[in-house]
Amino acid sequence: MTRRPPEILVDVLLIAVAAVWGASFLAAKELTDEVGVAPAVALRFLVAATALGVICLARRERMPRGRGLAIAALLGCSQAAVIGLETWGVHLTSATNAGLLISLALIFTPLLESVAARSWLPRSYFVAAIAAVVGVALLVSGAGFRLPTAGDALVIAAAVVRAVHVTASARLTRGRDDSTLAVVFVQLVVCALTSSAVAGVDLPVAVGRLTASGWFDVLFLGLMCSVFAFVVQLWAVRRTSATRASILMGTEPVWALAVGVVIGGEALGLPGFAGGALIIAASYAGQAIERRHRAATAPAPVERVAETARS
């Protein structure tokens, strides 16, 4: 059966998020090498919060209040933790290892969502998720593997916190009428304040020595990887499940490798192509399994329930 256009739109936008996040590995690596980790994260969020603040002001968005404000601030803390851990981890490890390890969110998210909903996904979904991780392993196997480092551990922690963040975003914001732009703006303000406090006096020093390419990385990370990606992510998880969003955004390592090949000049052998194909196939298979499971476990419409009771 053909899917409705809104569902297709959600899928396309989530894949776009995966693409810009895949490109963020190279941008973050370059920026942290230039100014350091803490200033790089702070500059990213300051640009993002300023840009989205202007948009919210122009649109006269109503800011969340009470419980809505508390939820947005809490999600801002978890988002800051994800980006901080991921950026620090990528700085200390290789981009290929980071791409493999961050994909573990594919496993953590359905586990968390299933526990929260008390409704386990079918085994076939977990087979698809594991196949996606195997695909990532093939994708990065050309450079070989090594023992885990501190950077690897930080990226694993980022994957865990990302799964918590995506699941919490879906459960805490679904059904609320708070503006998506306003909620993300509050998150970015929290991220900007916390990361600026961590950067401290290194932040103004970093601004003074930024090169043209450094400013490009800051704007790309702030506008595309933060404003665009965070708004789309929250908008999407309010219209689909956290597991499905995680599966689609789990194609991020494919895009990371693509950027590395086209821009960074990395070589991609047969195992890499095989891994990319496996990730894409497993992502769409998992998406289909999860969609059928949601449809099968959804409550029956009131009319159908009443009709069944009369028969």
Protein backbone atom coordinates (compact mmCIF):
# COMPACT_ATOMS: atom_id res chain seq x y z
CA MET A 1 0.00 0.00 0.00
CA THR A 2 1.32 3.46 -0.92
CA ARG A 3 2.35 5.62 1.99
CA ARG A 4 0.76 8.99 2.53
CA PRO A 5 2.81 12.02 1.36
CA PRO A 6 3.31 13.41 4.92
CA GLU A 7 4.98 10.15 5.93
CA ILE A 8 7.28 10.35 2.91
CA LEU A 9 8.13 13.96 3.80
CA VAL A 10 9.12 12.90 7.32
CA ASP A 11 11.41 10.22 5.88
CA VAL A 12 13.08 12.58 3.39
CA LEU A 13 13.73 15.26 6.01
CA LEU A 14 15.17 12.74 8.48
CA ILE A 15 17.53 11.45 5.78
CA ALA A 16 18.54 15.07 5.10
CA VAL A 17 19.35 15.39 8.81
CA ALA A 18 21.51 12.27 8.55
CA ALA A 19 23.32 13.80 5.55
CA VAL A 20 24.25 17.07 7.27
CA TRP A 21 25.21 15.24 10.45
CA GLY A 22 27.40 12.93 8.37
CA ALA A 23 29.16 15.98 6.97
CA SER A 24 29.51 17.40 10.49
CA PHE A 25 32.27 14.90 11.36
CA LEU A 26 34.71 16.51 8.93
CA ALA A 27 33.63 20.05 9.87
CA ALA A 28 33.91 19.37 13.61
CA LYS A 29 37.30 17.72 13.18
CA GLU A 30 38.64 20.75 11.30
CA LEU A 31 37.13 23.26 13.74
CA THR A 32 38.35 21.51 16.90
CA ASP A 33 41.85 21.28 15.43
CA GLU A 34 41.73 25.05 14.88
CA VAL A 35 40.20 26.37 18.12
CA GLY A 36 39.79 23.43 20.53
CA VAL A 37 36.76 21.35 21.54
CA ALA A 38 34.97 23.58 24.07
CA PRO A 39 35.13 26.80 21.98
CA ALA A 40 34.05 24.86 18.88
CA VAL A 41 30.92 23.55 20.62
CA ALA A 42 30.15 26.97 22.12
CA LEU A 43 30.52 28.80 18.78
CA ARG A 44 28.26 26.25 17.11
CA PHE A 45 25.48 26.75 19.63
CA LEU A 46 25.84 30.53 19.86
CA VAL A 47 25.37 30.84 16.10
CA ALA A 48 22.48 28.38 16.17
CA ALA A 49 20.67 30.07 19.06
CA THR A 50 21.08 33.54 17.49
CA ALA A 51 19.81 32.41 14.09
CA LEU A 52 16.78 30.59 15.45
CA GLY A 53 16.08 33.47 17.84
CA VAL A 54 15.80 35.86 14.88
CA ILE A 55 13.46 33.43 13.11
CA CYS A 56 11.25 33.04 16.20
CA LEU A 57 11.14 36.83 16.67
CA ALA A 58 10.18 37.40 13.03
CA ARG A 59 7.46 34.74 13.25
CA ARG A 60 6.36 35.96 16.70
CA GLU A 61 6.57 32.45 18.06
CA ARG A 62 5.10 31.98 21.50
CA MET A 63 7.68 30.61 23.90
CA PRO A 64 6.76 27.53 25.96
CA ARG A 65 5.77 28.13 29.57
CA GLY A 66 5.49 26.08 32.72
CA ARG A 67 5.85 22.37 32.03
CA GLY A 68 6.59 23.02 28.36
CA LEU A 69 9.51 25.29 29.26
CA ALA A 70 10.88 22.75 31.73
CA ILE A 71 10.70 19.98 29.10
CA ALA A 72 12.47 22.15 26.52
CA ALA A 73 15.22 23.05 28.99
CA LEU A 74 15.69 19.41 29.98
CA LEU A 75 15.98 18.38 26.31
CA GLY A 76 18.47 21.21 25.85
CA CYS A 77 20.68 19.69 28.55
CA SER A 78 20.58 16.25 26.92
CA GLN A 79 21.24 17.74 23.47
CA ALA A 80 24.24 19.67 24.81
CA ALA A 81 25.56 16.43 26.32
CA VAL A 82 25.18 14.57 23.00
CA ILE A 83 27.06 17.18 20.96
CA GLY A 84 29.68 17.78 23.63
CA LEU A 85 30.50 14.08 24.05
CA GLU A 86 30.42 13.45 20.30
CA THR A 87 32.65 16.43 19.46
CA TRP A 88 35.18 15.58 22.15
CA GLY A 89 35.15 11.94 21.08
CA VAL A 90 35.66 12.71 17.38
CA HIS A 91 38.55 14.98 18.33
CA LEU A 92 40.29 12.13 20.20
CA THR A 93 39.51 9.23 17.87
CA SER A 94 39.23 8.64 14.12
CA ALA A 95 36.19 9.72 12.14
CA THR A 96 35.69 6.11 11.00
CA ASN A 97 35.62 4.77 14.55
CA ALA A 98 33.26 7.57 15.57
CA GLY A 99 30.94 6.76 12.66
CA LEU A 100 30.80 3.12 13.75
CA LEU A 101 30.29 3.77 17.44
CA ILE A 102 27.65 6.50 17.15
CA SER A 103 25.51 4.05 15.15
CA LEU A 104 25.06 2.06 18.36
CA ALA A 105 22.18 4.47 19.00
CA LEU A 106 20.33 2.23 16.53
CA ILE A 107 20.40 -0.49 19.18
CA PHE A 108 19.92 1.68 22.26
CA THR A 109 16.90 3.66 20.98
CA PRO A 110 14.49 0.76 20.30
CA LEU A 111 15.50 -0.83 23.58
CA LEU A 112 14.70 2.35 25.49
CA GLU A 113 11.48 2.99 23.59
CA SER A 114 10.32 -0.59 24.07
CA VAL A 115 10.96 -0.41 27.81
CA ALA A 116 9.17 2.94 28.05
CA ALA A 117 6.18 1.73 26.03
CA ARG A 118 6.20 -1.79 27.55
CA SER A 119 5.78 -3.15 24.02
CA TRP A 120 8.74 -4.98 22.52
CA LEU A 121 9.43 -4.77 18.81
CA PRO A 122 9.56 -8.07 16.88
CA ARG A 123 12.87 -9.90 16.67
CA SER A 124 13.13 -9.16 12.97
CA TYR A 125 13.59 -5.47 13.81
CA PHE A 126 16.62 -6.18 15.97
CA VAL A 127 18.05 -8.34 13.20
CA ALA A 128 17.74 -5.33 10.86
CA ALA A 129 19.33 -3.01 13.44
CA ILE A 130 22.25 -5.39 13.99
CA ALA A 131 22.65 -5.73 10.21
CA ALA A 132 22.96 -1.94 10.00
CA VAL A 133 25.75 -1.98 12.59
CA VAL A 134 27.49 -4.80 10.69
CA GLY A 135 27.21 -2.61 7.59
CA VAL A 136 28.94 0.23 9.42
CA ALA A 137 31.70 -2.16 10.46
CA LEU A 138 32.22 -3.15 6.82
CA LEU A 139 32.09 0.50 5.83
CA VAL A 140 34.98 1.48 8.08
CA SER A 141 36.99 -1.75 7.92
CA GLY A 142 39.31 -0.48 5.23
CA ALA A 143 41.44 1.42 7.76
CA GLY A 144 41.45 -1.50 10.21
CA PHE A 145 40.46 -1.53 13.87
CA ARG A 146 42.33 -0.87 17.09
CA LEU A 147 41.74 -1.09 20.82
CA PRO A 148 39.15 1.37 22.16
CA THR A 149 40.51 4.75 23.27
CA ALA A 150 39.13 7.47 25.50
CA GLY A 151 37.66 9.07 22.37
CA ASP A 152 35.87 5.83 21.49
CA ALA A 153 34.38 5.67 24.98
CA LEU A 154 33.13 9.25 24.66
CA VAL A 155 31.41 8.49 21.35
CA ILE A 156 29.76 5.40 22.87
CA ALA A 157 28.50 7.62 25.70
CA ALA A 158 27.22 10.08 23.08
CA ALA A 159 25.30 7.23 21.39
CA VAL A 160 23.65 6.30 24.70
CA VAL A 161 22.69 9.90 25.47
CA ARG A 162 21.44 10.40 21.89
CA ALA A 163 19.11 7.42 22.29
CA VAL A 164 17.82 8.84 25.59
CA HIS A 165 17.37 12.28 23.99
CA VAL A 166 15.44 11.00 20.94
CA THR A 167 13.20 8.78 23.08
CA ALA A 168 12.55 11.56 25.60
CA SER A 169 11.83 14.07 22.83
CA ALA A 170 9.19 11.79 21.36
CA ARG A 171 7.48 10.94 24.64
CA LEU A 172 7.65 14.35 26.34
CA THR A 173 6.64 16.55 23.39
CA ARG A 174 4.05 14.40 21.60
CA GLY A 175 0.53 15.71 22.09
CA ARG A 176 1.70 19.14 23.27
CA ASP A 177 0.84 22.27 21.29
CA ASP A 178 4.12 24.09 21.98
CA SER A 179 5.74 25.53 18.87
CA THR A 180 8.51 23.27 17.53
CA LEU A 181 10.66 26.30 16.68
CA ALA A 182 10.20 27.76 20.17
CA VAL A 183 11.03 24.46 21.88
CA VAL A 184 14.21 24.05 19.82
CA PHE A 185 15.14 27.68 20.51
CA VAL A 186 14.97 27.06 24.25
CA GLN A 187 17.11 23.94 23.77
CA LEU A 188 19.73 25.90 21.81
CA VAL A 189 19.83 28.69 24.40
CA VAL A 190 20.49 26.10 27.11
CA CYS A 191 23.17 24.50 24.91
CA ALA A 192 24.79 27.89 24.20
CA LEU A 193 24.85 28.91 27.86
CA THR A 194 26.27 25.62 29.14
CA SER A 195 28.89 25.26 26.40
CA SER A 196 29.98 28.92 26.74
CA ALA A 197 30.41 28.42 30.47
CA VAL A 198 32.61 25.36 29.79
CA ALA A 199 34.67 27.23 27.18
CA GLY A 200 35.17 30.21 29.50
CA VAL A 201 37.95 32.63 28.56
CA ASP A 202 39.03 30.42 25.66
CA LEU A 203 35.92 31.45 23.72
CA PRO A 204 36.85 35.09 22.88
CA VAL A 205 40.41 33.98 22.11
CA ALA A 206 39.06 31.37 19.67
CA VAL A 207 36.86 33.97 17.93
CA GLY A 208 39.88 36.23 17.40
CA ARG A 209 41.92 33.57 15.61
CA LEU A 210 39.23 31.95 13.45
CA THR A 211 40.14 31.67 9.75
CA ALA A 212 37.71 31.91 6.84
CA SER A 213 37.43 28.11 6.68
CA GLY A 214 36.89 28.04 10.44
CA TRP A 215 33.99 30.48 10.15
CA PHE A 216 32.51 28.33 7.37
CA ASP A 217 32.66 25.30 9.68
CA VAL A 218 31.05 27.30 12.51
CA LEU A 219 28.19 28.47 10.27
CA PHE A 220 27.66 25.00 8.80
CA LEU A 221 27.61 23.36 12.24
CA GLY A 222 25.42 26.08 13.72
CA LEU A 223 22.89 26.64 10.95
CA MET A 224 22.63 23.30 9.16
CA CYS A 225 23.70 20.74 11.78
CA SER A 226 21.95 22.49 14.67
CA VAL A 227 19.05 24.75 13.62
CA PHE A 228 17.91 22.74 10.59
CA ALA A 229 18.68 19.32 12.06
CA PHE A 230 17.26 19.90 15.54
CA VAL A 231 14.05 21.50 14.26
CA VAL A 232 13.48 18.68 11.77
CA GLN A 233 14.33 16.01 14.36
CA LEU A 234 11.83 17.31 16.91
CA TRP A 235 9.19 17.97 14.23
CA ALA A 236 9.63 14.43 12.91
CA VAL A 237 9.61 12.52 16.21
CA ARG A 238 6.35 14.27 17.11
CA ARG A 239 4.86 12.66 14.00
CA THR A 240 6.53 9.24 14.05
CA SER A 241 8.27 6.95 16.55
CA ALA A 242 11.71 7.51 18.06
CA THR A 243 12.78 4.10 16.73
CA ARG A 244 11.83 4.94 13.16
CA ALA A 245 13.58 8.32 13.40
CA SER A 246 16.69 6.60 14.74
CA ILE A 247 16.70 4.07 11.88
CA LEU A 248 16.55 6.80 9.22
CA MET A 249 19.10 9.01 10.95
CA GLY A 250 21.23 5.88 11.34
CA THR A 251 22.31 6.34 7.70
CA GLU A 252 24.57 9.10 9.05
CA PRO A 253 27.78 6.99 8.71
CA VAL A 254 27.10 6.50 4.99
CA TRP A 255 26.99 10.25 4.49
CA ALA A 256 30.07 10.71 6.67
CA LEU A 257 32.03 8.33 4.43
CA ALA A 258 30.65 9.97 1.28
CA VAL A 259 31.88 13.38 2.45
CA GLY A 260 35.24 11.84 3.35
CA VAL A 261 35.60 10.35 -0.15
CA VAL A 262 34.42 13.37 -2.14
CA ILE A 263 35.93 16.18 -0.03
CA GLY A 264 38.55 14.49 2.13
CA GLY A 265 39.91 12.25 -0.64
CA GLU A 266 39.51 8.99 1.31
CA ALA A 267 39.57 5.71 -0.61
CA LEU A 268 36.54 3.40 -0.43
CA GLY A 269 37.03 -0.24 -1.33
CA LEU A 270 34.60 -3.07 -2.02
CA PRO A 271 33.91 -3.75 1.71
CA GLY A 272 32.98 -0.08 2.12
CA PHE A 273 30.51 -0.15 -0.75
CA ALA A 274 29.05 -3.42 0.58
CA GLY A 275 28.70 -1.88 4.03
CA GLY A 276 26.94 1.21 2.67
CA ALA A 277 24.47 -0.93 0.75
CA LEU A 278 23.82 -3.08 3.85
CA ILE A 279 23.16 -0.02 6.02
CA ILE A 280 20.66 1.43 3.56
CA ALA A 281 18.89 -1.92 3.07
CA ALA A 282 18.78 -2.64 6.81
CA SER A 283 17.50 0.88 7.55
CA TYR A 284 14.57 0.57 5.19
CA ALA A 285 13.83 -3.00 6.27
CA GLY A 286 13.80 -1.92 9.92
CA GLN A 287 11.58 1.05 9.04
CA ALA A 288 9.06 -1.23 7.35
CA ILE A 289 9.08 -3.71 10.27
CA GLU A 290 8.60 -0.92 12.81
CA ARG A 291 5.78 0.65 10.78
CA ARG A 292 3.91 -2.65 10.50
CA HIS A 293 4.37 -3.26 14.23
CA ARG A 294 2.92 0.17 15.07
CA ALA A 295 -0.04 -0.44 12.79
CA ALA A 296 -0.69 -3.88 14.30
CA THR A 297 -0.52 -2.65 17.91
CA ALA A 298 -2.41 0.64 17.41
CA PRO A 299 -5.71 0.92 19.32
CA ALA A 300 -8.77 0.13 17.23
CA PRO A 301 -10.91 3.14 16.20
CA VAL A 302 -13.95 3.81 18.38
CA GLU A 303 -16.31 2.90 15.54
CA ARG A 304 -14.66 -0.49 15.07
CA VAL A 305 -14.69 -1.20 18.80
CA ALA A 306 -18.38 -0.37 19.05
CA GLU A 307 -19.19 -2.48 16.00
CA THR A 308 -17.28 -5.44 17.43
CA ALA A 309 -19.12 -5.10 20.76
CA ARG A 310 -22.52 -5.19 19.00
CA SER A 311 -21.68 -8.29 16.92
